[in-house]
Amino acid sequence: MTPRATHDYAEGGLPAALEFLKRTRNALRMLRWVRVFKDRLHVIDVNHDFFEVRGIGYPDADVVSLLHNLNTAFNPETIHNETDAEYKEFGAGKRYPWAHDRVM
């Protein structure tokens, strides 16, 4: 399969990558998964269409900001750990219950 859109991440290019995610997000249906490879990131919707950010992967520090932007359910403390698998897969579009941020 080929991605619907791609972005080539450059060192220090976090604002451009975040802008790419913001612009292309509307081209997909409801987001379901995020696959993080060593050198790229796939954002996949319910129809298995996806877009790709090349040049950034789970070893990179900026991947945490990209995953937070996509509302990905992941552990920021362990995202950078090595894996024998081809990629790490996380659910996207996490939801919070109503008033989760209120203190009683």
PDB file of N, CA and C in Angstrom:
ATOM      1  N   MET A   1       0.833  -1.180   0.000  1.00  0.00           N
ATOM      2  CA  MET A   1       0.000   0.000   0.000  1.00  0.00           C
ATOM      3  C   MET A   1       0.880   1.246   0.000  1.00  0.00           C
ATOM      4  N   THR A   2       0.389   2.262  -0.606  1.00  0.00           N
ATOM      5  CA  THR A   2       1.116   3.525  -0.631  1.00  0.00           C
ATOM      6  C   THR A   2       0.386   4.538   0.249  1.00  0.00           C
ATOM      7  N   PRO A   3       1.134   5.405   0.919  1.00  0.00           N
ATOM      8  CA  PRO A   3       0.489   6.403   1.777  1.00  0.00           C
ATOM      9  C   PRO A   3      -0.258   7.448   0.962  1.00  0.00           C
ATOM     10  N   ARG A   4      -1.308   8.000   1.544  1.00  0.00           N
ATOM     11  CA  ARG A   4      -2.068   9.059   0.877  1.00  0.00           C
ATOM     12  C   ARG A   4      -1.282  10.353   0.837  1.00  0.00           C
ATOM     13  N   ALA A   5      -0.409  10.560   1.821  1.00  0.00           N
ATOM     14  CA  ALA A   5       0.442  11.749   1.864  1.00  0.00           C
ATOM     15  C   ALA A   5       1.698  11.405   2.652  1.00  0.00           C
ATOM     16  N   THR A   6       2.804  12.076   2.344  1.00  0.00           N
ATOM     17  CA  THR A   6       4.054  11.850   3.064  1.00  0.00           C
ATOM     18  C   THR A   6       4.688  13.193   3.444  1.00  0.00           C
ATOM     19  N   HIS A   7       5.498  13.133   4.471  1.00  0.00           N
ATOM     20  CA  HIS A   7       6.269  14.295   4.909  1.00  0.00           C
ATOM     21  C   HIS A   7       7.649  13.795   5.284  1.00  0.00           C
ATOM     22  N   ASP A   8       8.682  14.479   4.833  1.00  0.00           N
ATOM     23  CA  ASP A   8      10.052  14.134   5.185  1.00  0.00           C
ATOM     24  C   ASP A   8      10.498  15.006   6.347  1.00  0.00           C
ATOM     25  N   TYR A   9      10.653  14.380   7.499  1.00  0.00           N
ATOM     26  CA  TYR A   9      11.059  15.085   8.706  1.00  0.00           C
ATOM     27  C   TYR A   9      12.547  15.390   8.627  1.00  0.00           C
ATOM     28  N   ALA A  10      12.916  16.614   8.987  1.00  0.00           N
ATOM     29  CA  ALA A  10      14.321  17.014   9.078  1.00  0.00           C
ATOM     30  C   ALA A  10      14.603  17.381  10.530  1.00  0.00           C
ATOM     31  N   GLU A  11      15.831  17.192  10.975  1.00  0.00           N
ATOM     32  CA  GLU A  11      16.221  17.519  12.344  1.00  0.00           C
ATOM     33  C   GLU A  11      15.798  18.946  12.679  1.00  0.00           C
ATOM     34  N   GLY A  12      15.077  19.115  13.770  1.00  0.00           N
ATOM     35  CA  GLY A  12      14.584  20.428  14.170  1.00  0.00           C
ATOM     36  C   GLY A  12      13.313  20.833  13.442  1.00  0.00           C
ATOM     37  N   GLY A  13      12.738  19.935  12.680  1.00  0.00           N
ATOM     38  CA  GLY A  13      11.551  20.250  11.891  1.00  0.00           C
ATOM     39  C   GLY A  13      10.248  19.845  12.534  1.00  0.00           C
ATOM     40  N   LEU A  14      10.184  19.883  13.858  1.00  0.00           N
ATOM     41  CA  LEU A  14       8.953  19.500  14.549  1.00  0.00           C
ATOM     42  C   LEU A  14       7.766  20.384  14.178  1.00  0.00           C
ATOM     43  N   PRO A  15       7.907  21.713  14.106  1.00  0.00           N
ATOM     44  CA  PRO A  15       6.753  22.529  13.715  1.00  0.00           C
ATOM     45  C   PRO A  15       6.199  22.167  12.330  1.00  0.00           C
ATOM     46  N   ALA A  16       7.069  21.874  11.383  1.00  0.00           N
ATOM     47  CA  ALA A  16       6.615  21.497  10.036  1.00  0.00           C
ATOM     48  C   ALA A  16       5.890  20.146  10.072  1.00  0.00           C
ATOM     49  N   ALA A  17       6.386  19.201  10.869  1.00  0.00           N
ATOM     50  CA  ALA A  17       5.739  17.891  10.981  1.00  0.00           C
ATOM     51  C   ALA A  17       4.370  18.016  11.649  1.00  0.00           C
ATOM     52  N   LEU A  18       4.271  18.845  12.678  1.00  0.00           N
ATOM     53  CA  LEU A  18       2.982  19.060  13.336  1.00  0.00           C
ATOM     54  C   LEU A  18       1.994  19.726  12.392  1.00  0.00           C
ATOM     55  N   GLU A  19       2.454  20.648  11.576  1.00  0.00           N
ATOM     56  CA  GLU A  19       1.596  21.300  10.583  1.00  0.00           C
ATOM     57  C   GLU A  19       1.123  20.293   9.538  1.00  0.00           C
ATOM     58  N   PHE A  20       2.005  19.394   9.108  1.00  0.00           N
ATOM     59  CA  PHE A  20       1.636  18.341   8.157  1.00  0.00           C
ATOM     60  C   PHE A  20       0.526  17.469   8.747  1.00  0.00           C
ATOM     61  N   LEU A  21       0.680  17.055   9.999  1.00  0.00           N
ATOM     62  CA  LEU A  21      -0.343  16.230  10.640  1.00  0.00           C
ATOM     63  C   LEU A  21      -1.672  16.973  10.730  1.00  0.00           C
ATOM     64  N   LYS A  22      -1.612  18.246  11.050  1.00  0.00           N
ATOM     65  CA  LYS A  22      -2.833  19.052  11.150  1.00  0.00           C
ATOM     66  C   LYS A  22      -3.544  19.174   9.805  1.00  0.00           C
ATOM     67  N   ARG A  23      -2.776  19.405   8.734  1.00  0.00           N
ATOM     68  CA  ARG A  23      -3.370  19.568   7.404  1.00  0.00           C
ATOM     69  C   ARG A  23      -3.933  18.271   6.847  1.00  0.00           C
ATOM     70  N   THR A  24      -3.230  17.171   7.031  1.00  0.00           N
ATOM     71  CA  THR A  24      -3.622  15.911   6.397  1.00  0.00           C
ATOM     72  C   THR A  24      -4.621  15.104   7.210  1.00  0.00           C
ATOM     73  N   ARG A  25      -4.796  15.440   8.448  1.00  0.00           N
ATOM     74  CA  ARG A  25      -5.696  14.681   9.313  1.00  0.00           C
ATOM     75  C   ARG A  25      -7.118  14.622   8.767  1.00  0.00           C
ATOM     76  N   ASN A  26      -7.575  15.690   8.140  1.00  0.00           N
ATOM     77  CA  ASN A  26      -8.931  15.724   7.599  1.00  0.00           C
ATOM     78  C   ASN A  26      -9.101  14.840   6.368  1.00  0.00           C
ATOM     79  N   ALA A  27      -8.010  14.405   5.753  1.00  0.00           N
ATOM     80  CA  ALA A  27      -8.101  13.549   4.577  1.00  0.00           C
ATOM     81  C   ALA A  27      -8.434  12.104   4.958  1.00  0.00           C
ATOM     82  N   LEU A  28      -8.275  11.762   6.218  1.00  0.00           N
ATOM     83  CA  LEU A  28      -8.545  10.405   6.673  1.00  0.00           C
ATOM     84  C   LEU A  28      -9.847  10.360   7.460  1.00  0.00           C
ATOM     85  N   ARG A  29     -10.382   9.156   7.605  1.00  0.00           N
ATOM     86  CA  ARG A  29     -11.543   8.944   8.477  1.00  0.00           C
ATOM     87  C   ARG A  29     -11.056   8.927   9.920  1.00  0.00           C
ATOM     88  N   MET A  30     -11.832   8.375  10.811  1.00  0.00           N
ATOM     89  CA  MET A  30     -11.453   8.312  12.215  1.00  0.00           C
ATOM     90  C   MET A  30     -10.130   7.556  12.374  1.00  0.00           C
ATOM     91  N   LEU A  31      -9.192   8.152  13.071  1.00  0.00           N
ATOM     92  CA  LEU A  31      -7.883   7.535  13.259  1.00  0.00           C
ATOM     93  C   LEU A  31      -8.000   6.336  14.187  1.00  0.00           C
ATOM     94  N   ARG A  32      -7.300   5.251  13.848  1.00  0.00           N
ATOM     95  CA  ARG A  32      -7.371   4.024  14.648  1.00  0.00           C
ATOM     96  C   ARG A  32      -6.027   3.620  15.231  1.00  0.00           C
ATOM     97  N   TRP A  33      -4.961   3.650  14.436  1.00  0.00           N
ATOM     98  CA  TRP A  33      -3.667   3.168  14.883  1.00  0.00           C
ATOM     99  C   TRP A  33      -2.560   4.117  14.460  1.00  0.00           C
ATOM    100  N   VAL A  34      -1.491   4.059  15.229  1.00  0.00           N
ATOM    101  CA  VAL A  34      -0.250   4.725  14.861  1.00  0.00           C
ATOM    102  C   VAL A  34       0.833   3.664  14.954  1.00  0.00           C
ATOM    103  N   ARG A  35       1.543   3.466  13.866  1.00  0.00           N
ATOM    104  CA  ARG A  35       2.673   2.537  13.852  1.00  0.00           C
ATOM    105  C   ARG A  35       3.956   3.352  13.803  1.00  0.00           C
ATOM    106  N   VAL A  36       4.833   3.090  14.766  1.00  0.00           N
ATOM    107  CA  VAL A  36       6.089   3.823  14.853  1.00  0.00           C
ATOM    108  C   VAL A  36       7.223   2.852  14.544  1.00  0.00           C
ATOM    109  N   PHE A  37       7.882   3.079  13.436  1.00  0.00           N
ATOM    110  CA  PHE A  37       9.036   2.290  13.024  1.00  0.00           C
ATOM    111  C   PHE A  37      10.297   2.991  13.543  1.00  0.00           C
ATOM    112  N   LYS A  38      11.457   2.439  13.250  1.00  0.00           N
ATOM    113  CA  LYS A  38      12.703   3.100  13.636  1.00  0.00           C
ATOM    114  C   LYS A  38      12.926   4.395  12.878  1.00  0.00           C
ATOM    115  N   ASP A  39      12.398   4.471  11.652  1.00  0.00           N
ATOM    116  CA  ASP A  39      12.721   5.610  10.791  1.00  0.00           C
ATOM    117  C   ASP A  39      11.492   6.308  10.202  1.00  0.00           C
ATOM    118  N   ARG A  40      10.298   5.914  10.616  1.00  0.00           N
ATOM    119  CA  ARG A  40       9.087   6.537  10.072  1.00  0.00           C
ATOM    120  C   ARG A  40       7.900   6.279  10.992  1.00  0.00           C
ATOM    121  N   LEU A  41       6.828   7.010  10.705  1.00  0.00           N
ATOM    122  CA  LEU A  41       5.602   6.941  11.494  1.00  0.00           C
ATOM    123  C   LEU A  41       4.426   6.829  10.537  1.00  0.00           C
ATOM    124  N   HIS A  42       3.539   5.872  10.760  1.00  0.00           N
ATOM    125  CA  HIS A  42       2.322   5.720   9.959  1.00  0.00           C
ATOM    126  C   HIS A  42       1.119   6.041  10.821  1.00  0.00           C
ATOM    127  N   VAL A  43       0.212   6.843  10.290  1.00  0.00           N
ATOM    128  CA  VAL A  43      -1.058   7.152  10.944  1.00  0.00           C
ATOM    129  C   VAL A  43      -2.143   6.510  10.090  1.00  0.00           C
ATOM    130  N   ILE A  44      -2.901   5.559  10.680  1.00  0.00           N
ATOM    131  CA  ILE A  44      -3.816   4.704   9.936  1.00  0.00           C
ATOM    132  C   ILE A  44      -5.253   4.960  10.402  1.00  0.00           C
ATOM    133  N   ASP A  45      -6.182   5.030   9.445  1.00  0.00           N
ATOM    134  CA  ASP A  45      -7.589   5.245   9.794  1.00  0.00           C
ATOM    135  C   ASP A  45      -8.366   3.932   9.752  1.00  0.00           C
ATOM    136  N   VAL A  46      -9.674   3.987   9.967  1.00  0.00           N
ATOM    137  CA  VAL A  46     -10.512   2.795  10.024  1.00  0.00           C
ATOM    138  C   VAL A  46     -10.576   2.053   8.687  1.00  0.00           C
ATOM    139  N   ASN A  47     -10.332   2.738   7.583  1.00  0.00           N
ATOM    140  CA  ASN A  47     -10.339   2.106   6.255  1.00  0.00           C
ATOM    141  C   ASN A  47      -8.963   1.615   5.830  1.00  0.00           C
ATOM    142  N   HIS A  48      -8.001   1.675   6.740  1.00  0.00           N
ATOM    143  CA  HIS A  48      -6.609   1.288   6.487  1.00  0.00           C
ATOM    144  C   HIS A  48      -5.896   2.206   5.510  1.00  0.00           C
ATOM    145  N   ASP A  49      -6.448   3.387   5.265  1.00  0.00           N
ATOM    146  CA  ASP A  49      -5.707   4.426   4.554  1.00  0.00           C
ATOM    147  C   ASP A  49      -4.724   5.011   5.564  1.00  0.00           C
ATOM    148  N   PHE A  50      -3.588   5.511   5.078  1.00  0.00           N
ATOM    149  CA  PHE A  50      -2.627   6.062   6.021  1.00  0.00           C
ATOM    150  C   PHE A  50      -1.796   7.161   5.388  1.00  0.00           C
ATOM    151  N   PHE A  51      -1.190   7.957   6.255  1.00  0.00           N
ATOM    152  CA  PHE A  51      -0.167   8.879   5.802  1.00  0.00           C
ATOM    153  C   PHE A  51       1.085   8.643   6.629  1.00  0.00           C
ATOM    154  N   GLU A  52       2.200   9.150   6.126  1.00  0.00           N
ATOM    155  CA  GLU A  52       3.502   8.758   6.648  1.00  0.00           C
ATOM    156  C   GLU A  52       4.382   9.985   6.904  1.00  0.00           C
ATOM    157  N   VAL A  53       5.100   9.933   8.017  1.00  0.00           N
ATOM    158  CA  VAL A  53       6.141  10.919   8.306  1.00  0.00           C
ATOM    159  C   VAL A  53       7.448  10.145   8.294  1.00  0.00           C
ATOM    160  N   ARG A  54       8.311  10.448   7.331  1.00  0.00           N
ATOM    161  CA  ARG A  54       9.595   9.753   7.181  1.00  0.00           C
ATOM    162  C   ARG A  54      10.697  10.517   7.910  1.00  0.00           C
ATOM    163  N   GLY A  55      11.677   9.786   8.385  1.00  0.00           N
ATOM    164  CA  GLY A  55      12.834  10.419   9.003  1.00  0.00           C
ATOM    165  C   GLY A  55      12.748  10.576  10.506  1.00  0.00           C
ATOM    166  N   ILE A  56      11.694  10.075  11.119  1.00  0.00           N
ATOM    167  CA  ILE A  56      11.555  10.113  12.580  1.00  0.00           C
ATOM    168  C   ILE A  56      10.950   8.784  13.019  1.00  0.00           C
ATOM    169  N   GLY A  57      11.430   8.266  14.144  1.00  0.00           N
ATOM    170  CA  GLY A  57      10.938   6.991  14.644  1.00  0.00           C
ATOM    171  C   GLY A  57      10.979   6.947  16.154  1.00  0.00           C
ATOM    172  N   TYR A  58      10.770   5.770  16.710  1.00  0.00           N
ATOM    173  CA  TYR A  58      10.687   5.667  18.162  1.00  0.00           C
ATOM    174  C   TYR A  58      11.985   6.018  18.894  1.00  0.00           C
ATOM    175  N   PRO A  59      13.174   5.918  18.292  1.00  0.00           N
ATOM    176  CA  PRO A  59      14.368   6.357  19.028  1.00  0.00           C
ATOM    177  C   PRO A  59      14.474   7.883  19.182  1.00  0.00           C
ATOM    178  N   ASP A  60      13.761   8.656  18.380  1.00  0.00           N
ATOM    179  CA  ASP A  60      13.889  10.112  18.371  1.00  0.00           C
ATOM    180  C   ASP A  60      13.035  10.777  19.447  1.00  0.00           C
ATOM    181  N   ALA A  61      13.549  11.845  20.037  1.00  0.00           N
ATOM    182  CA  ALA A  61      12.853  12.554  21.114  1.00  0.00           C
ATOM    183  C   ALA A  61      11.582  13.243  20.622  1.00  0.00           C
ATOM    184  N   ASP A  62      11.593  13.799  19.410  1.00  0.00           N
ATOM    185  CA  ASP A  62      10.438  14.549  18.903  1.00  0.00           C
ATOM    186  C   ASP A  62       9.228  13.677  18.604  1.00  0.00           C
ATOM    187  N   VAL A  63       9.391  12.364  18.566  1.00  0.00           N
ATOM    188  CA  VAL A  63       8.255  11.494  18.275  1.00  0.00           C
ATOM    189  C   VAL A  63       7.200  11.591  19.376  1.00  0.00           C
ATOM    190  N   VAL A  64       7.608  11.917  20.593  1.00  0.00           N
ATOM    191  CA  VAL A  64       6.659  12.048  21.706  1.00  0.00           C
ATOM    192  C   VAL A  64       5.660  13.169  21.415  1.00  0.00           C
ATOM    193  N   SER A  65       6.137  14.304  20.910  1.00  0.00           N
ATOM    194  CA  SER A  65       5.243  15.418  20.580  1.00  0.00           C
ATOM    195  C   SER A  65       4.278  15.052  19.461  1.00  0.00           C
ATOM    196  N   LEU A  66       4.768  14.324  18.468  1.00  0.00           N
ATOM    197  CA  LEU A  66       3.895  13.908  17.368  1.00  0.00           C
ATOM    198  C   LEU A  66       2.817  12.954  17.860  1.00  0.00           C
ATOM    199  N   LEU A  67       3.190  12.011  18.716  1.00  0.00           N
ATOM    200  CA  LEU A  67       2.217  11.053  19.241  1.00  0.00           C
ATOM    201  C   LEU A  67       1.185  11.728  20.138  1.00  0.00           C
ATOM    202  N   HIS A  68       1.631  12.690  20.951  1.00  0.00           N
ATOM    203  CA  HIS A  68       0.672  13.446  21.770  1.00  0.00           C
ATOM    204  C   HIS A  68      -0.297  14.214  20.880  1.00  0.00           C
ATOM    205  N   ASN A  69       0.195  14.782  19.791  1.00  0.00           N
ATOM    206  CA  ASN A  69      -0.647  15.541  18.873  1.00  0.00           C
ATOM    207  C   ASN A  69      -1.732  14.667  18.257  1.00  0.00           C
ATOM    208  N   LEU A  70      -1.450  13.381  18.074  1.00  0.00           N
ATOM    209  CA  LEU A  70      -2.407  12.439  17.488  1.00  0.00           C
ATOM    210  C   LEU A  70      -3.286  11.761  18.535  1.00  0.00           C
ATOM    211  N   ASN A  71      -3.166  12.176  19.795  1.00  0.00           N
ATOM    212  CA  ASN A  71      -3.908  11.554  20.899  1.00  0.00           C
ATOM    213  C   ASN A  71      -3.656  10.056  20.978  1.00  0.00           C
ATOM    214  N   THR A  72      -2.407   9.691  20.844  1.00  0.00           N
ATOM    215  CA  THR A  72      -2.017   8.284  20.873  1.00  0.00           C
ATOM    216  C   THR A  72      -1.887   7.799  22.308  1.00  0.00           C
ATOM    217  N   ALA A  73      -2.380   6.588  22.558  1.00  0.00           N
ATOM    218  CA  ALA A  73      -2.265   5.975  23.874  1.00  0.00           C
ATOM    219  C   ALA A  73      -0.927   5.235  23.943  1.00  0.00           C
ATOM    220  N   PHE A  74       0.068   5.847  24.586  1.00  0.00           N
ATOM    221  CA  PHE A  74       1.400   5.251  24.690  1.00  0.00           C
ATOM    222  C   PHE A  74       2.054   5.708  25.983  1.00  0.00           C
ATOM    223  N   ASN A  75       3.134   5.053  26.354  1.00  0.00           N
ATOM    224  CA  ASN A  75       3.887   5.409  27.547  1.00  0.00           C
ATOM    225  C   ASN A  75       5.122   6.190  27.113  1.00  0.00           C
ATOM    226  N   PRO A  76       5.202   7.487  27.415  1.00  0.00           N
ATOM    227  CA  PRO A  76       6.353   8.288  26.984  1.00  0.00           C
ATOM    228  C   PRO A  76       7.676   7.836  27.601  1.00  0.00           C
ATOM    229  N   GLU A  77       7.613   7.118  28.718  1.00  0.00           N
ATOM    230  CA  GLU A  77       8.845   6.660  29.367  1.00  0.00           C
ATOM    231  C   GLU A  77       9.466   5.472  28.660  1.00  0.00           C
ATOM    232  N   THR A  78       8.660   4.677  27.947  1.00  0.00           N
ATOM    233  CA  THR A  78       9.191   3.470  27.311  1.00  0.00           C
ATOM    234  C   THR A  78       9.161   3.509  25.787  1.00  0.00           C
ATOM    235  N   ILE A  79       8.693   4.601  25.200  1.00  0.00           N
ATOM    236  CA  ILE A  79       8.565   4.668  23.744  1.00  0.00           C
ATOM    237  C   ILE A  79       9.909   4.509  23.043  1.00  0.00           C
ATOM    238  N   HIS A  80      10.998   4.952  23.664  1.00  0.00           N
ATOM    239  CA  HIS A  80      12.307   4.928  23.024  1.00  0.00           C
ATOM    240  C   HIS A  80      13.035   3.590  23.171  1.00  0.00           C
ATOM    241  N   ASN A  81      12.462   2.646  23.915  1.00  0.00           N
ATOM    242  CA  ASN A  81      13.107   1.343  24.108  1.00  0.00           C
ATOM    243  C   ASN A  81      13.156   0.553  22.802  1.00  0.00           C
ATOM    244  N   GLU A  82      14.237  -0.184  22.610  1.00  0.00           N
ATOM    245  CA  GLU A  82      14.399  -1.032  21.436  1.00  0.00           C
ATOM    246  C   GLU A  82      13.367  -2.157  21.447  1.00  0.00           C
ATOM    247  N   THR A  83      13.039  -2.648  20.251  1.00  0.00           N
ATOM    248  CA  THR A  83      12.127  -3.780  20.116  1.00  0.00           C
ATOM    249  C   THR A  83      12.615  -4.683  18.989  1.00  0.00           C
ATOM    250  N   ASP A  84      12.288  -5.954  19.088  1.00  0.00           N
ATOM    251  CA  ASP A  84      12.630  -6.896  18.017  1.00  0.00           C
ATOM    252  C   ASP A  84      11.605  -6.873  16.901  1.00  0.00           C
ATOM    253  N   ALA A  85      10.437  -6.304  17.180  1.00  0.00           N
ATOM    254  CA  ALA A  85       9.374  -6.222  16.178  1.00  0.00           C
ATOM    255  C   ALA A  85       9.737  -5.173  15.123  1.00  0.00           C
ATOM    256  N   GLU A  86       9.055  -5.245  13.997  1.00  0.00           N
ATOM    257  CA  GLU A  86       9.290  -4.289  12.912  1.00  0.00           C
ATOM    258  C   GLU A  86       8.851  -2.881  13.301  1.00  0.00           C
ATOM    259  N   TYR A  87       7.783  -2.783  14.110  1.00  0.00           N
ATOM    260  CA  TYR A  87       7.249  -1.487  14.524  1.00  0.00           C
ATOM    261  C   TYR A  87       6.521  -1.640  15.860  1.00  0.00           C
ATOM    262  N   LYS A  88       6.230  -0.494  16.464  1.00  0.00           N
ATOM    263  CA  LYS A  88       5.394  -0.441  17.660  1.00  0.00           C
ATOM    264  C   LYS A  88       4.045   0.127  17.230  1.00  0.00           C
ATOM    265  N   GLU A  89       2.963  -0.506  17.666  1.00  0.00           N
ATOM    266  CA  GLU A  89       1.631  -0.078  17.260  1.00  0.00           C
ATOM    267  C   GLU A  89       0.837   0.383  18.478  1.00  0.00           C
ATOM    268  N   PHE A  90       0.191   1.545  18.342  1.00  0.00           N
ATOM    269  CA  PHE A  90      -0.583   2.131  19.424  1.00  0.00           C
ATOM    270  C   PHE A  90      -1.948   2.559  18.909  1.00  0.00           C
ATOM    271  N   GLY A  91      -2.911   2.564  19.787  1.00  0.00           N
ATOM    272  CA  GLY A  91      -4.225   3.087  19.448  1.00  0.00           C
ATOM    273  C   GLY A  91      -4.170   4.601  19.341  1.00  0.00           C
ATOM    274  N   ALA A  92      -4.946   5.149  18.422  1.00  0.00           N
ATOM    275  CA  ALA A  92      -4.974   6.604  18.228  1.00  0.00           C
ATOM    276  C   ALA A  92      -6.341   7.143  18.594  1.00  0.00           C
ATOM    277  N   GLY A  93      -6.394   8.405  18.900  1.00  0.00           N
ATOM    278  CA  GLY A  93      -7.669   9.051  19.191  1.00  0.00           C
ATOM    279  C   GLY A  93      -8.203   8.731  20.567  1.00  0.00           C
ATOM    280  N   LYS A  94      -7.302   8.631  21.581  1.00  0.00           N
ATOM    281  CA  LYS A  94      -7.776   8.337  22.933  1.00  0.00           C
ATOM    282  C   LYS A  94      -8.761   9.409  23.370  1.00  0.00           C
ATOM    283  N   ARG A  95      -9.694   9.029  24.174  1.00  0.00           N
ATOM    284  CA  ARG A  95     -10.738   9.921  24.645  1.00  0.00           C
ATOM    285  C   ARG A  95     -10.652  10.041  26.166  1.00  0.00           C
ATOM    286  N   TYR A  96     -11.079  11.175  26.668  1.00  0.00           N
ATOM    287  CA  TYR A  96     -11.135  11.389  28.100  1.00  0.00           C
ATOM    288  C   TYR A  96     -12.598  11.485  28.526  1.00  0.00           C
ATOM    289  N   PRO A  97     -12.941  10.964  29.696  1.00  0.00           N
ATOM    290  CA  PRO A  97     -14.309  11.108  30.166  1.00  0.00           C
ATOM    291  C   PRO A  97     -14.613  12.565  30.494  1.00  0.00           C
ATOM    292  N   TRP A  98     -15.869  12.892  30.475  1.00  0.00           N
ATOM    293  CA  TRP A  98     -16.288  14.252  30.779  1.00  0.00           C
ATOM    294  C   TRP A  98     -15.765  14.655  32.145  1.00  0.00           C
ATOM    295  N   ALA A  99     -15.212  15.837  32.256  1.00  0.00           N
ATOM    296  CA  ALA A  99     -14.708  16.433  33.494  1.00  0.00           C
ATOM    297  C   ALA A  99     -13.555  15.645  34.105  1.00  0.00           C
ATOM    298  N   HIS A 100     -12.753  14.986  33.295  1.00  0.00           N
ATOM    299  CA  HIS A 100     -11.630  14.214  33.840  1.00  0.00           C
ATOM    300  C   HIS A 100     -10.598  15.088  34.515  1.00  0.00           C
ATOM    301  N   ASP A 101     -10.542  16.360  34.169  1.00  0.00           N
ATOM    302  CA  ASP A 101      -9.528  17.241  34.708  1.00  0.00           C
ATOM    303  C   ASP A 101      -9.987  18.026  35.937  1.00  0.00           C
ATOM    304  N   ARG A 102     -11.197  17.784  36.376  1.00  0.00           N
ATOM    305  CA  ARG A 102     -11.705  18.508  37.547  1.00  0.00           C
ATOM    306  C   ARG A 102     -11.274  17.810  38.827  1.00  0.00           C
ATOM    307  N   VAL A 103     -10.955  18.612  39.780  1.00  0.00           N
ATOM    308  CA  VAL A 103     -10.560  18.082  41.094  1.00  0.00           C
ATOM    309  C   VAL A 103     -11.708  18.291  42.060  1.00  0.00           C
ATOM    310  N   MET A 104     -12.086  17.239  42.731  1.00  0.00           N
ATOM    311  CA  MET A 104     -13.195  17.328  43.683  1.00  0.00           C
ATOM    312  C   MET A 104     -12.661  17.350  45.095  1.00  0.00           C
TER     313      MET A 104
END
